[in-house]
């Protein structure tokens, strides 16, 4: 399973960005998917997750109400819409495929990871 993130870049505080995660296989449609991020000097942390149907989602408290995770199973793509970003959202964002079809927030719950896309929030 190969996951490729895109959409990262430089954005001003208060701005928006949409990240995409594309897979080379349709099997991701059967599994939960998640986004995590790693800031410089910090450990990777959970950001958002979505179940295989797209009906159930879960977010880290730090992004709740600002970020939205969604998926298009027909295209094997998962999205992370980031609104009202701030400097603490800076980091490398990774998408990952869960071991199960459900939402999961633990790093150990994910089996396959992408290479990441850099998001920098700065004025």
N, C-alpha and C. Protein backbone atom coordinates (compact mmCIF):
# COMPACT_ATOMS: atom_id res chain seq x y z
N UNK A 1 0.85 -1.19 0.00
CA UNK A 1 0.00 0.00 0.00
C UNK A 1 0.89 1.24 0.00
N UNK A 2 0.70 2.09 -0.97
CA UNK A 2 1.47 3.33 -1.04
C UNK A 2 0.53 4.51 -0.84
N UNK A 3 0.93 5.40 0.06
CA UNK A 3 0.14 6.60 0.34
C UNK A 3 0.99 7.82 0.02
N UNK A 4 0.42 8.76 -0.71
CA UNK A 4 1.16 9.95 -1.13
C UNK A 4 0.37 11.19 -0.74
N UNK A 5 0.97 11.97 0.15
CA UNK A 5 0.33 13.21 0.58
C UNK A 5 0.73 14.35 -0.36
N UNK A 6 -0.17 15.34 -0.47
CA UNK A 6 0.11 16.54 -1.25
C UNK A 6 -0.72 17.68 -0.70
N UNK A 7 -0.39 18.90 -1.13
CA UNK A 7 -1.17 20.06 -0.74
C UNK A 7 -0.54 20.91 0.34
N UNK A 8 0.59 20.48 0.86
CA UNK A 8 1.27 21.27 1.88
C UNK A 8 1.88 22.53 1.28
N UNK A 9 2.35 23.41 2.16
CA UNK A 9 2.98 24.63 1.69
C UNK A 9 3.01 25.67 2.78
N UNK A 10 3.24 26.90 2.38
CA UNK A 10 3.30 28.03 3.30
C UNK A 10 1.95 28.73 3.31
N UNK A 11 1.42 28.98 4.49
CA UNK A 11 0.14 29.64 4.63
C UNK A 11 0.23 30.63 5.79
N UNK A 12 -0.48 31.72 5.67
CA UNK A 12 -0.48 32.74 6.71
C UNK A 12 -1.40 32.34 7.86
N UNK A 13 -1.14 32.80 9.05
CA UNK A 13 -2.05 32.54 10.16
C UNK A 13 -3.46 33.00 9.81
N UNK A 14 -4.43 32.17 10.14
CA UNK A 14 -5.82 32.47 9.81
C UNK A 14 -6.24 31.95 8.46
N UNK A 15 -5.29 31.47 7.69
CA UNK A 15 -5.59 30.98 6.35
C UNK A 15 -6.05 29.54 6.33
N UNK A 16 -6.20 29.01 5.11
CA UNK A 16 -6.69 27.65 4.92
C UNK A 16 -5.79 26.88 3.97
N UNK A 17 -5.86 25.57 4.12
CA UNK A 17 -5.09 24.68 3.26
C UNK A 17 -5.83 23.36 3.21
N UNK A 18 -5.77 22.68 2.06
CA UNK A 18 -6.37 21.35 1.98
C UNK A 18 -5.30 20.35 1.58
N UNK A 19 -5.12 19.37 2.43
CA UNK A 19 -4.18 18.28 2.16
C UNK A 19 -4.94 17.11 1.54
N UNK A 20 -4.24 16.39 0.66
CA UNK A 20 -4.80 15.20 0.04
C UNK A 20 -3.87 14.02 0.29
N UNK A 21 -4.46 12.85 0.34
CA UNK A 21 -3.70 11.62 0.50
C UNK A 21 -4.25 10.62 -0.51
N UNK A 22 -3.43 10.28 -1.49
CA UNK A 22 -3.86 9.37 -2.54
C UNK A 22 -3.21 8.01 -2.35
N UNK A 23 -3.97 6.97 -2.64
CA UNK A 23 -3.46 5.61 -2.50
C UNK A 23 -3.40 4.93 -3.87
N UNK A 24 -2.50 3.97 -3.95
CA UNK A 24 -2.37 3.22 -5.19
C UNK A 24 -3.27 1.99 -5.20
N UNK A 25 -4.09 1.82 -4.16
CA UNK A 25 -4.94 0.66 -4.10
C UNK A 25 -6.31 1.02 -3.58
N UNK A 26 -7.32 0.30 -4.09
CA UNK A 26 -8.69 0.56 -3.66
C UNK A 26 -8.96 0.00 -2.26
N UNK A 27 -8.03 -0.81 -1.75
CA UNK A 27 -8.31 -1.45 -0.46
C UNK A 27 -8.41 -0.46 0.69
N UNK A 28 -7.89 0.76 0.52
CA UNK A 28 -8.00 1.70 1.64
C UNK A 28 -9.45 2.04 1.91
N UNK A 29 -10.33 1.81 0.94
CA UNK A 29 -11.75 2.11 1.15
C UNK A 29 -12.37 1.22 2.21
N UNK A 30 -11.67 0.16 2.59
CA UNK A 30 -12.18 -0.78 3.58
C UNK A 30 -11.64 -0.50 4.98
N UNK A 31 -10.80 0.52 5.10
CA UNK A 31 -10.12 0.77 6.37
C UNK A 31 -10.29 2.21 6.83
N UNK A 32 -10.15 2.37 8.15
CA UNK A 32 -10.07 3.71 8.68
C UNK A 32 -8.79 4.39 8.20
N UNK A 33 -8.85 5.71 8.09
CA UNK A 33 -7.68 6.48 7.68
C UNK A 33 -7.45 7.59 8.69
N UNK A 34 -6.22 8.03 8.80
CA UNK A 34 -5.93 9.06 9.77
C UNK A 34 -4.86 10.03 9.29
N UNK A 35 -4.85 11.16 9.94
CA UNK A 35 -3.80 12.17 9.73
C UNK A 35 -3.10 12.41 11.06
N UNK A 36 -1.80 12.49 10.99
CA UNK A 36 -0.97 12.84 12.14
C UNK A 36 0.01 13.92 11.70
N UNK A 37 0.66 14.55 12.65
CA UNK A 37 1.64 15.59 12.31
C UNK A 37 2.80 15.54 13.28
N UNK A 38 3.92 16.05 12.80
CA UNK A 38 5.11 16.12 13.64
C UNK A 38 5.76 17.48 13.47
N UNK A 39 5.82 18.20 14.57
CA UNK A 39 6.48 19.50 14.59
C UNK A 39 7.96 19.29 14.88
N UNK A 40 8.79 20.23 14.49
CA UNK A 40 10.23 20.10 14.76
C UNK A 40 10.51 19.90 16.24
N UNK A 41 11.28 18.86 16.54
CA UNK A 41 11.65 18.61 17.92
C UNK A 41 10.58 17.94 18.75
N UNK A 42 9.48 17.57 18.14
CA UNK A 42 8.39 16.95 18.89
C UNK A 42 8.06 15.58 18.30
N UNK A 43 7.35 14.80 19.08
CA UNK A 43 6.93 13.49 18.59
C UNK A 43 5.70 13.64 17.70
N UNK A 44 5.49 12.67 16.85
CA UNK A 44 4.33 12.69 15.97
C UNK A 44 3.05 12.56 16.80
N UNK A 45 2.03 13.33 16.45
CA UNK A 45 0.80 13.33 17.20
C UNK A 45 -0.41 13.16 16.29
N UNK A 46 -1.43 12.58 16.84
CA UNK A 46 -2.69 12.36 16.14
C UNK A 46 -3.38 13.68 15.84
N UNK A 47 -3.97 13.78 14.65
CA UNK A 47 -4.71 14.98 14.27
C UNK A 47 -6.19 14.65 14.01
N UNK A 48 -6.43 13.68 13.12
CA UNK A 48 -7.82 13.38 12.75
C UNK A 48 -7.90 11.96 12.17
N UNK A 49 -9.09 11.38 12.26
CA UNK A 49 -9.31 10.05 11.71
C UNK A 49 -10.73 9.94 11.19
N UNK A 50 -10.90 9.05 10.23
CA UNK A 50 -12.21 8.84 9.61
C UNK A 50 -12.39 7.35 9.36
N UNK A 51 -13.61 6.85 9.58
CA UNK A 51 -13.82 5.43 9.37
C UNK A 51 -14.03 5.13 7.89
N UNK A 52 -14.18 3.85 7.58
CA UNK A 52 -14.22 3.43 6.18
C UNK A 52 -15.43 3.97 5.44
N UNK A 53 -16.52 4.25 6.14
CA UNK A 53 -17.72 4.77 5.49
C UNK A 53 -17.66 6.27 5.28
N UNK A 54 -16.82 6.93 6.07
CA UNK A 54 -16.79 8.38 6.04
C UNK A 54 -17.79 9.02 7.00
N UNK A 55 -18.58 8.22 7.65
CA UNK A 55 -19.65 8.75 8.51
C UNK A 55 -19.16 9.11 9.91
N UNK A 56 -18.07 8.53 10.33
CA UNK A 56 -17.56 8.76 11.68
C UNK A 56 -16.16 9.36 11.63
N UNK A 57 -15.98 10.40 12.42
CA UNK A 57 -14.69 11.08 12.48
C UNK A 57 -14.33 11.38 13.93
N UNK A 58 -13.06 11.65 14.13
CA UNK A 58 -12.58 12.01 15.47
C UNK A 58 -11.40 12.96 15.28
N UNK A 59 -11.29 13.94 16.18
CA UNK A 59 -10.25 14.95 16.05
C UNK A 59 -9.49 15.16 17.37
N UNK A 60 -8.25 15.59 17.22
CA UNK A 60 -7.51 16.04 18.40
C UNK A 60 -8.16 17.33 18.89
N UNK A 61 -8.12 17.56 20.18
CA UNK A 61 -8.74 18.76 20.74
C UNK A 61 -8.15 20.03 20.12
N UNK A 62 -6.88 19.99 19.78
CA UNK A 62 -6.20 21.18 19.27
C UNK A 62 -6.68 21.61 17.89
N UNK A 63 -7.35 20.72 17.16
CA UNK A 63 -7.81 21.07 15.81
C UNK A 63 -9.32 21.01 15.67
N UNK A 64 -10.00 20.56 16.70
CA UNK A 64 -11.45 20.40 16.64
C UNK A 64 -12.12 21.73 16.31
N UNK A 65 -13.03 21.69 15.34
CA UNK A 65 -13.72 22.90 14.92
C UNK A 65 -13.00 23.69 13.85
N UNK A 66 -11.75 23.32 13.57
CA UNK A 66 -10.97 24.03 12.53
C UNK A 66 -10.61 23.12 11.37
N UNK A 67 -10.36 21.86 11.65
CA UNK A 67 -9.97 20.89 10.62
C UNK A 67 -11.13 19.94 10.34
N UNK A 68 -11.21 19.49 9.09
CA UNK A 68 -12.22 18.52 8.70
C UNK A 68 -11.58 17.43 7.85
N UNK A 69 -11.78 16.20 8.27
CA UNK A 69 -11.28 15.05 7.50
C UNK A 69 -12.44 14.48 6.69
N UNK A 70 -12.15 14.09 5.45
CA UNK A 70 -13.17 13.49 4.60
C UNK A 70 -12.49 12.51 3.65
N UNK A 71 -13.30 11.75 2.93
CA UNK A 71 -12.72 10.78 2.02
C UNK A 71 -13.62 10.59 0.81
N UNK A 72 -12.98 10.20 -0.29
CA UNK A 72 -13.69 9.86 -1.52
C UNK A 72 -13.23 8.45 -1.89
N UNK A 73 -13.99 7.47 -1.49
CA UNK A 73 -13.58 6.09 -1.72
C UNK A 73 -13.55 5.72 -3.20
N UNK A 74 -14.34 6.41 -4.01
CA UNK A 74 -14.33 6.11 -5.44
C UNK A 74 -13.01 6.51 -6.09
N UNK A 75 -12.32 7.45 -5.46
CA UNK A 75 -11.04 7.93 -6.00
C UNK A 75 -9.85 7.53 -5.14
N UNK A 76 -10.11 6.81 -4.04
CA UNK A 76 -9.04 6.38 -3.13
C UNK A 76 -8.26 7.57 -2.57
N UNK A 77 -8.97 8.60 -2.17
CA UNK A 77 -8.34 9.82 -1.65
C UNK A 77 -8.95 10.19 -0.31
N UNK A 78 -8.10 10.65 0.58
CA UNK A 78 -8.52 11.18 1.87
C UNK A 78 -8.05 12.62 1.95
N UNK A 79 -8.90 13.48 2.51
CA UNK A 79 -8.58 14.92 2.57
C UNK A 79 -8.50 15.38 4.02
N UNK A 80 -7.75 16.45 4.21
CA UNK A 80 -7.76 17.16 5.48
C UNK A 80 -7.88 18.65 5.16
N UNK A 81 -9.05 19.20 5.42
CA UNK A 81 -9.27 20.63 5.24
C UNK A 81 -8.87 21.35 6.50
N UNK A 82 -7.93 22.26 6.37
CA UNK A 82 -7.38 22.99 7.51
C UNK A 82 -7.80 24.45 7.41
N UNK A 83 -8.60 24.92 8.35
CA UNK A 83 -9.05 26.31 8.37
C UNK A 83 -8.54 27.00 9.64
N UNK A 84 -8.49 28.32 9.60
CA UNK A 84 -8.07 29.12 10.75
C UNK A 84 -6.76 28.59 11.35
N UNK A 85 -5.80 28.34 10.49
CA UNK A 85 -4.54 27.76 10.96
C UNK A 85 -3.77 28.77 11.81
N UNK A 86 -2.93 28.25 12.68
CA UNK A 86 -2.05 29.09 13.49
C UNK A 86 -0.65 28.50 13.46
N UNK A 87 0.29 29.18 14.06
CA UNK A 87 1.69 28.75 13.97
C UNK A 87 1.92 27.39 14.61
N UNK A 88 1.08 27.02 15.55
CA UNK A 88 1.23 25.70 16.18
C UNK A 88 0.81 24.56 15.27
N UNK A 89 0.21 24.88 14.14
CA UNK A 89 -0.14 23.84 13.16
C UNK A 89 1.02 23.52 12.22
N UNK A 90 2.11 24.22 12.36
CA UNK A 90 3.29 23.95 11.53
C UNK A 90 3.85 22.56 11.81
N UNK A 91 4.18 21.85 10.74
CA UNK A 91 4.78 20.53 10.90
C UNK A 91 4.65 19.71 9.63
N UNK A 92 5.15 18.50 9.71
CA UNK A 92 4.99 17.56 8.61
C UNK A 92 3.74 16.73 8.87
N UNK A 93 2.86 16.69 7.90
CA UNK A 93 1.59 15.99 8.04
C UNK A 93 1.65 14.67 7.28
N UNK A 94 1.24 13.63 8.00
CA UNK A 94 1.27 12.28 7.45
C UNK A 94 -0.13 11.68 7.40
N UNK A 95 -0.44 10.98 6.33
CA UNK A 95 -1.66 10.19 6.34
C UNK A 95 -1.28 8.73 6.54
N UNK A 96 -2.21 7.97 7.05
CA UNK A 96 -1.93 6.58 7.36
C UNK A 96 -3.20 5.74 7.26
N UNK A 97 -3.02 4.47 6.96
CA UNK A 97 -4.14 3.53 6.90
C UNK A 97 -4.19 2.73 8.17
N UNK A 98 -5.36 2.68 8.78
CA UNK A 98 -5.53 1.96 10.04
C UNK A 98 -5.54 0.45 9.81
N UNK A 99 -5.41 -0.26 10.93
CA UNK A 99 -5.45 -1.73 10.88
C UNK A 99 -6.89 -2.24 10.80
N UNK A 100 -7.85 -1.37 11.12
CA UNK A 100 -9.27 -1.74 11.20
C UNK A 100 -10.10 -0.73 10.42
N UNK A 101 -11.38 -1.03 10.19
CA UNK A 101 -12.23 -0.10 9.42
C UNK A 101 -12.67 1.14 10.19
N UNK A 102 -12.38 1.19 11.48
CA UNK A 102 -12.97 2.20 12.35
C UNK A 102 -12.02 3.37 12.61
N UNK A 103 -12.54 4.39 13.28
CA UNK A 103 -11.70 5.52 13.67
C UNK A 103 -10.72 5.05 14.74
N UNK A 104 -9.49 5.56 14.67
CA UNK A 104 -8.47 5.21 15.63
C UNK A 104 -7.55 6.41 15.84
N UNK A 105 -7.14 6.64 17.10
CA UNK A 105 -6.33 7.81 17.40
C UNK A 105 -4.92 7.49 17.88
N UNK A 106 -4.61 6.22 18.03
CA UNK A 106 -3.27 5.84 18.46
C UNK A 106 -2.33 5.63 17.30
N UNK A 107 -1.10 6.06 17.45
CA UNK A 107 -0.12 5.87 16.39
C UNK A 107 0.08 4.39 16.07
N UNK A 108 -0.05 3.56 17.07
CA UNK A 108 0.15 2.12 16.89
C UNK A 108 -1.00 1.47 16.15
N UNK A 109 -2.09 2.20 15.95
CA UNK A 109 -3.27 1.66 15.27
C UNK A 109 -3.14 1.69 13.75
N UNK A 110 -2.06 2.27 13.27
CA UNK A 110 -1.89 2.45 11.83
C UNK A 110 -0.77 1.57 11.30
N UNK A 111 -1.03 1.00 10.13
CA UNK A 111 -0.10 0.03 9.55
C UNK A 111 0.75 0.62 8.43
N UNK A 112 0.16 1.45 7.60
CA UNK A 112 0.87 2.04 6.45
C UNK A 112 0.86 3.56 6.56
N UNK A 113 2.01 4.15 6.24
CA UNK A 113 2.20 5.59 6.37
C UNK A 113 2.73 6.18 5.07
N UNK A 114 2.32 7.42 4.79
CA UNK A 114 2.89 8.15 3.68
C UNK A 114 4.20 8.81 4.09
N UNK A 115 4.82 9.51 3.16
CA UNK A 115 6.09 10.17 3.41
C UNK A 115 5.94 11.55 4.05
N UNK A 116 4.73 12.08 4.00
CA UNK A 116 4.47 13.35 4.65
C UNK A 116 4.52 14.54 3.71
N UNK A 117 3.83 15.60 4.10
CA UNK A 117 3.85 16.86 3.36
C UNK A 117 4.02 17.98 4.38
N UNK A 118 4.87 18.94 4.06
CA UNK A 118 5.21 20.00 5.00
C UNK A 118 4.19 21.13 4.97
N UNK A 119 3.75 21.52 6.15
CA UNK A 119 2.87 22.68 6.30
C UNK A 119 3.58 23.69 7.19
N UNK A 120 3.71 24.90 6.69
CA UNK A 120 4.35 25.96 7.47
C UNK A 120 3.38 27.13 7.58
N UNK A 121 3.07 27.49 8.81
CA UNK A 121 2.17 28.62 9.05
C UNK A 121 3.02 29.78 9.56
N UNK A 122 3.08 30.82 8.74
CA UNK A 122 3.94 31.95 9.07
C UNK A 122 3.47 33.18 8.32
N UNK A 123 3.65 34.33 8.94
CA UNK A 123 3.33 35.58 8.27
C UNK A 123 4.57 36.14 7.57
